[in-house]
C-alpha atoms as a PDB file:
ATOM      1  CA  UNK A   1       0.048  -0.001  -0.012  1.00  0.00           C
ATOM      2  CA  UNK A   2       1.261   3.512  -0.768  1.00  0.00           C
ATOM      3  CA  UNK A   3      -0.149   6.420   1.235  1.00  0.00           C
ATOM      4  CA  UNK A   4      -0.021  10.024   0.146  1.00  0.00           C
ATOM      5  CA  UNK A   5      -0.302  12.606   2.917  1.00  0.00           C
ATOM      6  CA  UNK A   6      -0.984  16.210   1.790  1.00  0.00           C
ATOM      7  CA  UNK A   7      -0.979  18.869   4.399  1.00  0.00           C
ATOM      8  CA  UNK A   8      -1.728  22.557   3.899  1.00  0.00           C
ATOM      9  CA  UNK A   9      -2.133  24.368   7.168  1.00  0.00           C
ATOM     10  CA  UNK A  10       0.109  27.541   7.634  1.00  0.00           C
ATOM     11  CA  UNK A  11       0.079  26.915  11.398  1.00  0.00           C
ATOM     12  CA  UNK A  12       2.993  24.497  11.413  1.00  0.00           C
ATOM     13  CA  UNK A  13       3.384  22.422  14.577  1.00  0.00           C
ATOM     14  CA  UNK A  14       0.218  24.134  16.009  1.00  0.00           C
ATOM     15  CA  UNK A  15      -1.949  22.774  13.237  1.00  0.00           C
ATOM     16  CA  UNK A  16      -4.724  20.444  14.417  1.00  0.00           C
ATOM     17  CA  UNK A  17      -5.408  19.219  10.866  1.00  0.00           C
ATOM     18  CA  UNK A  18      -1.723  18.387  10.269  1.00  0.00           C
ATOM     19  CA  UNK A  19      -1.427  16.677  13.602  1.00  0.00           C
ATOM     20  CA  UNK A  20      -4.459  14.409  13.202  1.00  0.00           C
ATOM     21  CA  UNK A  21      -3.709  13.624   9.564  1.00  0.00           C
ATOM     22  CA  UNK A  22      -0.074  12.707  10.418  1.00  0.00           C
ATOM     23  CA  UNK A  23      -1.347  10.462  13.197  1.00  0.00           C
ATOM     24  CA  UNK A  24      -3.703   8.642  10.812  1.00  0.00           C
ATOM     25  CA  UNK A  25      -0.884   8.151   8.286  1.00  0.00           C
ATOM     26  CA  UNK A  26       1.538   6.750  10.996  1.00  0.00           C
ATOM     27  CA  UNK A  27      -1.160   4.386  12.292  1.00  0.00           C
ATOM     28  CA  UNK A  28      -2.028   3.139   8.846  1.00  0.00           C
ATOM     29  CA  UNK A  29       1.717   2.519   8.403  1.00  0.00           C
ATOM     30  CA  UNK A  30       1.809   0.631  11.620  1.00  0.00           C
ATOM     31  CA  UNK A  31      -1.120  -1.494  10.479  1.00  0.00           C
ATOM     32  CA  UNK A  32       0.787  -2.390   7.282  1.00  0.00           C
ATOM     33  CA  UNK A  33       4.483  -2.371   7.740  1.00  0.00           C
ATOM     34  CA  UNK A  34       5.021  -2.951   4.018  1.00  0.00           C
ATOM     35  CA  UNK A  35       3.272   0.357   3.174  1.00  0.00           C
ATOM     36  CA  UNK A  36       5.128   3.390   1.893  1.00  0.00           C
ATOM     37  CA  UNK A  37       4.332   7.000   2.923  1.00  0.00           C
ATOM     38  CA  UNK A  38       4.790  10.073   0.688  1.00  0.00           C
ATOM     39  CA  UNK A  39       4.295  13.407   2.495  1.00  0.00           C
ATOM     40  CA  UNK A  40       3.640  16.634   0.443  1.00  0.00           C
ATOM     41  CA  UNK A  41       3.695  19.681   2.677  1.00  0.00           C
ATOM     42  CA  UNK A  42       2.062  22.398   0.651  1.00  0.00           C
ATOM     43  CA  UNK A  43       3.349  25.152   2.909  1.00  0.00           C
ATOM     44  CA  UNK A  44       6.999  23.979   2.844  1.00  0.00           C
ATOM     45  CA  UNK A  45       6.632  23.096  -0.778  1.00  0.00           C
ATOM     46  CA  UNK A  46       3.844  25.195  -2.246  1.00  0.00           C
ATOM     47  CA  UNK A  47       2.595  24.674  -5.797  1.00  0.00           C
ATOM     48  CA  UNK A  48       2.441  27.653  -8.078  1.00  0.00           C
ATOM     49  CA  UNK A  49      -0.961  29.086  -8.798  1.00  0.00           C
ATOM     50  CA  UNK A  50      -1.970  28.274 -12.370  1.00  0.00           C
ATOM     51  CA  UNK A  51      -1.086  30.981 -14.824  1.00  0.00           C
ATOM     52  CA  UNK A  52      -1.182  31.507 -18.617  1.00  0.00           C
ATOM     53  CA  UNK A  53       1.853  29.323 -19.233  1.00  0.00           C
ATOM     54  CA  UNK A  54       0.226  26.441 -17.298  1.00  0.00           C
ATOM     55  CA  UNK A  55      -3.186  27.002 -18.957  1.00  0.00           C
ATOM     56  CA  UNK A  56      -1.703  26.840 -22.430  1.00  0.00           C
ATOM     57  CA  UNK A  57       1.082  24.414 -21.665  1.00  0.00           C
ATOM     58  CA  UNK A  58      -1.083  21.555 -20.641  1.00  0.00           C
ATOM     59  CA  UNK A  59      -2.665  21.653 -24.148  1.00  0.00           C
ATOM     60  CA  UNK A  60       0.541  22.019 -26.016  1.00  0.00           C
ATOM     61  CA  UNK A  61       2.564  19.039 -27.187  1.00  0.00           C
ATOM     62  CA  UNK A  62       5.610  18.433 -24.978  1.00  0.00           C
ATOM     63  CA  UNK A  63       8.047  19.040 -27.848  1.00  0.00           C
ATOM     64  CA  UNK A  64       6.454  22.470 -28.663  1.00  0.00           C
ATOM     65  CA  UNK A  65       6.318  23.854 -25.143  1.00  0.00           C
ATOM     66  CA  UNK A  66       8.353  26.902 -24.148  1.00  0.00           C
ATOM     67  CA  UNK A  67      10.765  26.486 -21.279  1.00  0.00           C
ATOM     68  CA  UNK A  68       8.384  28.089 -18.923  1.00  0.00           C
ATOM     69  CA  UNK A  69       5.441  25.953 -20.026  1.00  0.00           C
ATOM     70  CA  UNK A  70       7.596  22.836 -19.634  1.00  0.00           C
ATOM     71  CA  UNK A  71       8.512  23.851 -16.057  1.00  0.00           C
ATOM     72  CA  UNK A  72       4.955  24.505 -14.841  1.00  0.00           C
ATOM     73  CA  UNK A  73       3.479  21.447 -16.601  1.00  0.00           C
ATOM     74  CA  UNK A  74       6.369  19.390 -15.083  1.00  0.00           C
ATOM     75  CA  UNK A  75       5.283  20.522 -11.624  1.00  0.00           C
ATOM     76  CA  UNK A  76       1.787  19.304 -12.333  1.00  0.00           C
ATOM     77  CA  UNK A  77       3.010  16.070 -13.803  1.00  0.00           C
ATOM     78  CA  UNK A  78       5.066  15.332 -10.651  1.00  0.00           C
ATOM     79  CA  UNK A  79       1.881  15.912  -8.445  1.00  0.00           C
ATOM     80  CA  UNK A  80      -0.107  13.592 -10.718  1.00  0.00           C
ATOM     81  CA  UNK A  81       2.517  10.932 -10.353  1.00  0.00           C
ATOM     82  CA  UNK A  82       2.212  11.125  -6.563  1.00  0.00           C
ATOM     83  CA  UNK A  83      -1.581  10.919  -6.819  1.00  0.00           C
ATOM     84  CA  UNK A  84      -1.805   7.954  -9.139  1.00  0.00           C
ATOM     85  CA  UNK A  85       0.862   5.991  -7.220  1.00  0.00           C
ATOM     86  CA  UNK A  86      -1.123   6.266  -4.000  1.00  0.00           C
ATOM     87  CA  UNK A  87      -3.673   3.752  -2.833  1.00  0.00           C
ATOM     88  CA  UNK A  88      -4.702   5.897   0.121  1.00  0.00           C
ATOM     89  CA  UNK A  89      -4.800   9.661   0.119  1.00  0.00           C
ATOM     90  CA  UNK A  90      -5.022  11.912   3.261  1.00  0.00           C
ATOM     91  CA  UNK A  91      -5.833  15.582   2.676  1.00  0.00           C
ATOM     92  CA  UNK A  92      -5.459  17.848   5.643  1.00  0.00           C
ATOM     93  CA  UNK A  93      -6.687  21.455   5.730  1.00  0.00           C
ATOM     94  CA  UNK A  94      -7.811  24.101   8.105  1.00  0.00           C
ATOM     95  CA  UNK A  95     -11.217  25.705   7.593  1.00  0.00           C
ATOM     96  CA  UNK A  96     -10.253  29.123   6.189  1.00  0.00           C
ATOM     97  CA  UNK A  97     -12.879  31.627   5.357  1.00  0.00           C
ATOM     98  CA  UNK A  98     -15.453  28.788   5.144  1.00  0.00           C
ATOM     99  CA  UNK A  99     -13.447  26.769   2.662  1.00  0.00           C
ATOM    100  CA  UNK A 100     -10.100  24.943   2.168  1.00  0.00           C
ATOM    101  CA  UNK A 101      -6.730  26.554   2.293  1.00  0.00           C
ATOM    102  CA  UNK A 102      -5.525  28.288  -0.923  1.00  0.00           C
ATOM    103  CA  UNK A 103      -2.532  25.972  -0.971  1.00  0.00           C
ATOM    104  CA  UNK A 104      -4.725  22.869  -1.094  1.00  0.00           C
ATOM    105  CA  UNK A 105      -6.826  24.621  -3.852  1.00  0.00           C
ATOM    106  CA  UNK A 106      -3.696  25.007  -5.872  1.00  0.00           C
ATOM    107  CA  UNK A 107      -2.982  21.251  -5.481  1.00  0.00           C
ATOM    108  CA  UNK A 108      -6.490  20.518  -6.802  1.00  0.00           C
ATOM    109  CA  UNK A 109      -5.910  22.883  -9.728  1.00  0.00           C
ATOM    110  CA  UNK A 110      -2.794  20.905 -10.646  1.00  0.00           C
ATOM    111  CA  UNK A 111      -4.339  17.425 -10.380  1.00  0.00           C
ATOM    112  CA  UNK A 112      -7.717  18.252 -12.103  1.00  0.00           C
ATOM    113  CA  UNK A 113      -6.469  17.987 -15.720  1.00  0.00           C
ATOM    114  CA  UNK A 114      -8.555  16.996 -18.689  1.00  0.00           C
ATOM    115  CA  UNK A 115      -7.244  13.874 -20.308  1.00  0.00           C
ATOM    116  CA  UNK A 116      -5.172  12.978 -17.239  1.00  0.00           C
ATOM    117  CA  UNK A 117      -7.643  12.766 -14.306  1.00  0.00           C
ATOM    118  CA  UNK A 118     -10.919  13.201 -16.071  1.00  0.00           C
ATOM    119  CA  UNK A 119     -12.168  13.105 -19.611  1.00  0.00           C
ATOM    120  CA  UNK A 120     -15.257  14.242 -21.480  1.00  0.00           C
ATOM    121  CA  UNK A 121     -17.126  11.730 -23.592  1.00  0.00           C
ATOM    122  CA  UNK A 122     -20.508  11.221 -25.236  1.00  0.00           C
ATOM    123  CA  UNK A 123     -22.021  10.635 -21.779  1.00  0.00           C
ATOM    124  CA  UNK A 124     -20.316  13.587 -20.154  1.00  0.00           C
ATOM    125  CA  UNK A 125     -17.246  13.754 -17.840  1.00  0.00           C
ATOM    126  CA  UNK A 126     -15.671  10.624 -16.471  1.00  0.00           C
ATOM    127  CA  UNK A 127     -13.231  10.502 -13.538  1.00  0.00           C
ATOM    128  CA  UNK A 128     -10.067   8.650 -14.368  1.00  0.00           C
ATOM    129  CA  UNK A 129      -8.626   8.387 -10.762  1.00  0.00           C
ATOM    130  CA  UNK A 130     -10.256   5.220  -9.438  1.00  0.00           C
ATOM    131  CA  UNK A 131      -9.615   2.658  -6.767  1.00  0.00           C
ATOM    132  CA  UNK A 132      -8.428   5.221  -4.179  1.00  0.00           C
ATOM    133  CA  UNK A 133      -9.410   5.596  -0.545  1.00  0.00           C
ATOM    134  CA  UNK A 134      -9.481   9.214   0.462  1.00  0.00           C
ATOM    135  CA  UNK A 135      -9.481  10.709   4.036  1.00  0.00           C
ATOM    136  CA  UNK A 136     -10.237  14.385   4.524  1.00  0.00           C
ATOM    137  CA  UNK A 137      -9.024  15.883   7.803  1.00  0.00           C
ATOM    138  CA  UNK A 138     -10.651  19.272   8.376  1.00  0.00           C
ATOM    139  CA  UNK A 139      -9.984  21.433  11.426  1.00  0.00           C
ATOM    140  CA  UNK A 140     -12.308  24.376  12.217  1.00  0.00           C
ATOM    141  CA  UNK A 141     -12.761  26.916  14.974  1.00  0.00           C
ATOM    142  CA  UNK A 142     -16.501  26.487  15.074  1.00  0.00           C
ATOM    143  CA  UNK A 143     -18.949  23.627  14.640  1.00  0.00           C
ATOM    144  CA  UNK A 144     -19.964  23.207  10.954  1.00  0.00           C
ATOM    145  CA  UNK A 145     -21.123  19.579  10.837  1.00  0.00           C
ATOM    146  CA  UNK A 146     -24.408  20.343  12.322  1.00  0.00           C
ATOM    147  CA  UNK A 147     -26.665  23.204  13.459  1.00  0.00           C
ATOM    148  CA  UNK A 148     -27.279  26.597  11.766  1.00  0.00           C
ATOM    149  CA  UNK A 149     -23.619  26.874  10.563  1.00  0.00           C
ATOM    150  CA  UNK A 150     -23.821  23.796   8.288  1.00  0.00           C
ATOM    151  CA  UNK A 151     -24.666  26.094   5.289  1.00  0.00           C
ATOM    152  CA  UNK A 152     -21.394  27.910   5.796  1.00  0.00           C
ATOM    153  CA  UNK A 153     -19.311  24.794   5.253  1.00  0.00           C
ATOM    154  CA  UNK A 154     -18.143  25.027   1.603  1.00  0.00           C
ATOM    155  CA  UNK A 155     -15.036  22.902   2.356  1.00  0.00           C
ATOM    156  CA  UNK A 156     -16.338  19.416   2.618  1.00  0.00           C
ATOM    157  CA  UNK A 157     -18.998  19.745  -0.235  1.00  0.00           C
ATOM    158  CA  UNK A 158     -16.367  21.143  -2.506  1.00  0.00           C
ATOM    159  CA  UNK A 159     -13.791  18.483  -1.765  1.00  0.00           C
ATOM    160  CA  UNK A 160     -16.305  15.585  -2.064  1.00  0.00           C
ATOM    161  CA  UNK A 161     -17.574  17.086  -5.368  1.00  0.00           C
ATOM    162  CA  UNK A 162     -14.217  17.674  -7.072  1.00  0.00           C
ATOM    163  CA  UNK A 163     -12.891  14.274  -5.804  1.00  0.00           C
ATOM    164  CA  UNK A 164     -15.921  12.474  -7.197  1.00  0.00           C
ATOM    165  CA  UNK A 165     -15.512  14.318 -10.535  1.00  0.00           C
ATOM    166  CA  UNK A 166     -11.994  12.864 -10.658  1.00  0.00           C
ATOM    167  CA  UNK A 167     -13.285   9.398  -9.827  1.00  0.00           C
ATOM    168  CA  UNK A 168     -12.573   9.280  -6.063  1.00  0.00           C
ATOM    169  CA  UNK A 169     -15.840   8.428  -4.426  1.00  0.00           C
ATOM    170  CA  UNK A 170     -14.704   6.468  -1.396  1.00  0.00           C
ATOM    171  CA  UNK A 171     -14.144   9.421   0.881  1.00  0.00           C
ATOM    172  CA  UNK A 172     -14.200   9.588   4.663  1.00  0.00           C
ATOM    173  CA  UNK A 173     -14.187  12.815   6.689  1.00  0.00           C
ATOM    174  CA  UNK A 174     -12.485  13.399   9.997  1.00  0.00           C
ATOM    175  CA  UNK A 175     -13.455  16.621  11.613  1.00  0.00           C
ATOM    176  CA  UNK A 176     -11.459  18.461  14.302  1.00  0.00           C
ATOM    177  CA  UNK A 177     -14.058  21.120  15.064  1.00  0.00           C
ATOM    178  CA  UNK A 178     -14.768  23.662  17.675  1.00  0.00           C
ATOM    179  CA  UNK A 179     -11.047  24.262  18.377  1.00  0.00           C
ATOM    180  CA  UNK A 180     -11.673  28.049  18.580  1.00  0.00           C
ATOM    181  CA  UNK A 181     -14.133  27.555  21.488  1.00  0.00           C
ATOM    182  CA  UNK A 182     -11.691  27.160  24.389  1.00  0.00           C
ATOM    183  CA  UNK A 183      -9.225  24.595  25.817  1.00  0.00           C
ATOM    184  CA  UNK A 184     -11.829  22.108  26.794  1.00  0.00           C
ATOM    185  CA  UNK A 185     -13.300  22.192  23.296  1.00  0.00           C
ATOM    186  CA  UNK A 186      -9.827  21.550  21.831  1.00  0.00           C
ATOM    187  CA  UNK A 187      -9.294  18.601  24.104  1.00  0.00           C
ATOM    188  CA  UNK A 188     -12.720  17.150  23.150  1.00  0.00           C
ATOM    189  CA  UNK A 189     -12.266  17.766  19.466  1.00  0.00           C
ATOM    190  CA  UNK A 190      -8.824  16.039  19.430  1.00  0.00           C
ATOM    191  CA  UNK A 191     -10.186  13.055  21.459  1.00  0.00           C
ATOM    192  CA  UNK A 192     -13.048  12.555  19.014  1.00  0.00           C
ATOM    193  CA  UNK A 193     -10.829  12.833  16.028  1.00  0.00           C
ATOM    194  CA  UNK A 194      -8.205  10.503  17.544  1.00  0.00           C
ATOM    195  CA  UNK A 195     -10.936   7.928  18.334  1.00  0.00           C
ATOM    196  CA  UNK A 196     -11.971   7.984  14.696  1.00  0.00           C
ATOM    197  CA  UNK A 197      -8.403   7.570  13.582  1.00  0.00           C
ATOM    198  CA  UNK A 198      -7.852   4.605  15.940  1.00  0.00           C
ATOM    199  CA  UNK A 199     -10.997   2.902  14.554  1.00  0.00           C
ATOM    200  CA  UNK A 200      -9.901   3.425  10.960  1.00  0.00           C
ATOM    201  CA  UNK A 201      -6.427   1.977  11.734  1.00  0.00           C
ATOM    202  CA  UNK A 202      -7.962  -0.963  13.542  1.00  0.00           C
ATOM    203  CA  UNK A 203     -10.191  -1.706  10.564  1.00  0.00           C
ATOM    204  CA  UNK A 204      -7.246  -1.463   8.232  1.00  0.00           C
ATOM    205  CA  UNK A 205      -5.302  -3.868  10.392  1.00  0.00           C
ATOM    206  CA  UNK A 206      -8.175  -6.311  10.427  1.00  0.00           C
ATOM    207  CA  UNK A 207      -8.461  -6.259   6.648  1.00  0.00           C
ATOM    208  CA  UNK A 208      -4.649  -6.870   6.285  1.00  0.00           C
ATOM    209  CA  UNK A 209      -4.955  -9.839   8.755  1.00  0.00           C
ATOM    210  CA  UNK A 210      -7.748 -11.389   6.801  1.00  0.00           C
ATOM    211  CA  UNK A 211      -5.990 -10.974   3.446  1.00  0.00           C
ATOM    212  CA  UNK A 212      -2.705 -12.453   4.978  1.00  0.00           C
END
C-alpha cells in the first residue's frame, strides 16, 4: 500500500489538521509495515498558482512547449505521479474563510487535468482516478457539521464534489471542530478525532490480517 499525505495548514506544529492527519498516516503505516508513505507539505513546498503558461502548456505538445510551459507542466505532472501512485490519500486542511486553504486549492488545480484525471465523452465527464481511498481531515474553529452553521461549510461539499468528479468516491471525513471555543473544546475535538483515527487504523489492520 502507498499512502499520500497532503498537508496545507500554515500553522506549522500548532496545526490540528496536520497533527491528526499525520497520526492517521502513521497508524496506517503501523497496520501495514510494508506500506510506503509520501508526504507533500504544501506550505513548505507550495505549488504555483495556475497561470497563462500552465493553462496553455497543458494543451501544447511536449516538444512544442516553451521552457516556462515545460517547467509548470512538469510540476503538475509530478503531483499527478504522486496521486496515481497512492492507494490511500489523506488531505489535511484548516477551515479558512469557510473553505479549504488556498495551498490545497492549488494542489487541486494541478491534479484536475482534462485527459489525465478526467475526460469528456458522449455521456459527459468521467473520472479517471479510481480505486483510491481518501480521508479528509478538516480542522475548524467552530462547529460546521451540524446546526445553523452547516450552510457555511463550503469545504467538505467542494472536496467531495471535485474528488468524485475525478473518480474518487470512497471518501471519509475526520473533523477536528470547535477548536476555537476554548481549551476544553480543543481537548474534546482532538479526542473525538483520535478515536476515529484509531477505529480506521484498527479496521485497516483487520483487513490486512484477513488478507494475509
